[in-house]
């Protein structure tokens, strides 16, 4: 299963900026000044919140128990996934890539 260290390294290689949130254990990732991910550095299992499109959120939350609308975020723009093995690593990387692409093309 995907780990925080793997995900953090992958994101850094994509040219994103990592920063701390108000909560020390939560890492914020952005590109072009647009936040697209929050990752719980110490959460067990790993929790990842991603900004993605509404249709994808609806589809994934209906299909997977480990994917839910954004926790404490706009549920129409964010999803939170718990890394339990239900989604394979490549699917998680694909979602991350979609979130990065959306952030690169977003002005809000």
Protein backbone atom coordinates (compact mmCIF):
# COMPACT_ATOMS: atom_id res chain seq x y z
CA UNK A 1 0.00 0.00 0.00
CA UNK A 2 1.05 3.53 -0.72
CA UNK A 3 2.90 5.25 2.15
CA UNK A 4 3.23 8.88 3.15
CA UNK A 5 6.93 8.86 2.27
CA UNK A 6 6.25 7.49 -1.22
CA UNK A 7 3.44 9.95 -1.85
CA UNK A 8 5.41 12.93 -0.52
CA UNK A 9 8.42 12.03 -2.69
CA UNK A 10 6.20 11.54 -5.75
CA UNK A 11 4.52 14.91 -5.24
CA UNK A 12 7.83 16.72 -4.74
CA UNK A 13 9.07 15.26 -8.06
CA UNK A 14 5.97 16.74 -9.76
CA UNK A 15 7.13 20.23 -8.80
CA UNK A 16 4.49 20.89 -6.17
CA UNK A 17 5.02 22.88 -3.00
CA UNK A 18 4.53 21.20 0.35
CA UNK A 19 3.71 23.14 3.48
CA UNK A 20 2.33 22.68 6.96
CA UNK A 21 -1.25 23.43 7.81
CA UNK A 22 -2.49 24.74 11.12
CA UNK A 23 -2.47 21.14 12.26
CA UNK A 24 1.12 19.97 12.45
CA UNK A 25 0.37 16.45 11.18
CA UNK A 26 -1.40 17.71 8.04
CA UNK A 27 0.73 18.49 4.98
CA UNK A 28 -0.71 20.84 2.35
CA UNK A 29 0.30 20.48 -1.31
CA UNK A 30 -0.17 23.19 -3.92
CA UNK A 31 0.87 24.13 -7.42
CA UNK A 32 0.47 27.55 -9.01
CA UNK A 33 -0.81 28.78 -5.63
CA UNK A 34 -3.74 26.33 -5.82
CA UNK A 35 -4.07 23.80 -3.02
CA UNK A 36 -4.98 20.39 -4.40
CA UNK A 37 -4.13 17.94 -1.60
CA UNK A 38 -4.02 17.51 2.16
CA UNK A 39 -2.23 14.45 3.51
CA UNK A 40 -2.22 13.23 7.09
CA UNK A 41 1.47 12.67 7.71
CA UNK A 42 0.93 10.53 10.80
CA UNK A 43 -2.54 9.13 10.15
CA UNK A 44 -2.85 5.36 10.28
CA UNK A 45 -4.15 4.35 7.83
CA UNK A 46 -2.98 7.13 5.54
CA UNK A 47 -5.69 9.70 4.72
CA UNK A 48 -5.49 11.80 1.55
CA UNK A 49 -7.86 14.61 0.59
CA UNK A 50 -7.79 15.63 -3.07
CA UNK A 51 -9.51 18.32 -5.08
CA UNK A 52 -11.16 16.64 -8.06
CA UNK A 53 -14.24 17.10 -10.22
CA UNK A 54 -17.74 16.51 -8.86
CA UNK A 55 -18.58 13.63 -11.21
CA UNK A 56 -15.52 11.70 -10.08
CA UNK A 57 -16.38 12.30 -6.42
CA UNK A 58 -19.89 10.93 -6.94
CA UNK A 59 -18.65 7.87 -8.83
CA UNK A 60 -15.88 6.96 -6.37
CA UNK A 61 -17.91 7.52 -3.21
CA UNK A 62 -20.64 5.24 -4.54
CA UNK A 63 -18.17 2.52 -5.54
CA UNK A 64 -15.67 2.47 -2.65
CA UNK A 65 -16.18 2.52 1.12
CA UNK A 66 -12.72 4.01 1.60
CA UNK A 67 -13.57 7.09 -0.50
CA UNK A 68 -15.85 9.76 0.93
CA UNK A 69 -16.69 13.40 0.24
CA UNK A 70 -14.02 15.76 1.52
CA UNK A 71 -13.71 15.62 5.30
CA UNK A 72 -14.13 19.20 6.57
CA UNK A 73 -13.79 20.43 2.97
CA UNK A 74 -16.26 21.36 0.24
CA UNK A 75 -17.79 17.93 -0.56
CA UNK A 76 -18.54 19.03 -4.13
CA UNK A 77 -14.88 19.73 -4.88
CA UNK A 78 -12.95 17.44 -2.53
CA UNK A 79 -12.78 13.75 -1.71
CA UNK A 80 -11.03 12.03 1.14
CA UNK A 81 -9.66 8.56 0.69
CA UNK A 82 -8.41 6.24 3.36
CA UNK A 83 -5.60 4.02 2.11
CA UNK A 84 -6.85 0.58 3.07
CA UNK A 85 -5.91 -1.34 -0.06
CA UNK A 86 -9.38 -1.04 -1.55
CA UNK A 87 -7.92 1.31 -4.18
CA UNK A 88 -4.62 0.10 -5.62
CA UNK A 89 -1.55 2.33 -5.60
CA UNK A 90 -1.79 3.15 -9.31
CA UNK A 91 -5.39 4.32 -8.90
CA UNK A 92 -4.30 6.62 -6.06
CA UNK A 93 -1.45 8.02 -8.16
CA UNK A 94 -3.90 8.56 -11.03
CA UNK A 95 -6.22 10.52 -8.69
CA UNK A 96 -3.28 12.59 -7.48
CA UNK A 97 -2.32 13.35 -11.08
CA UNK A 98 -5.89 14.44 -11.84
CA UNK A 99 -5.84 16.74 -8.80
CA UNK A 100 -2.53 18.26 -9.95
CA UNK A 101 -3.88 18.81 -13.47
CA UNK A 102 -7.00 20.47 -12.07
CA UNK A 103 -4.90 22.74 -9.84
CA UNK A 104 -2.74 23.78 -12.78
CA UNK A 105 -5.86 24.86 -14.70
CA UNK A 106 -7.87 26.46 -11.87
CA UNK A 107 -8.13 30.13 -11.10
CA UNK A 108 -10.04 29.89 -7.80
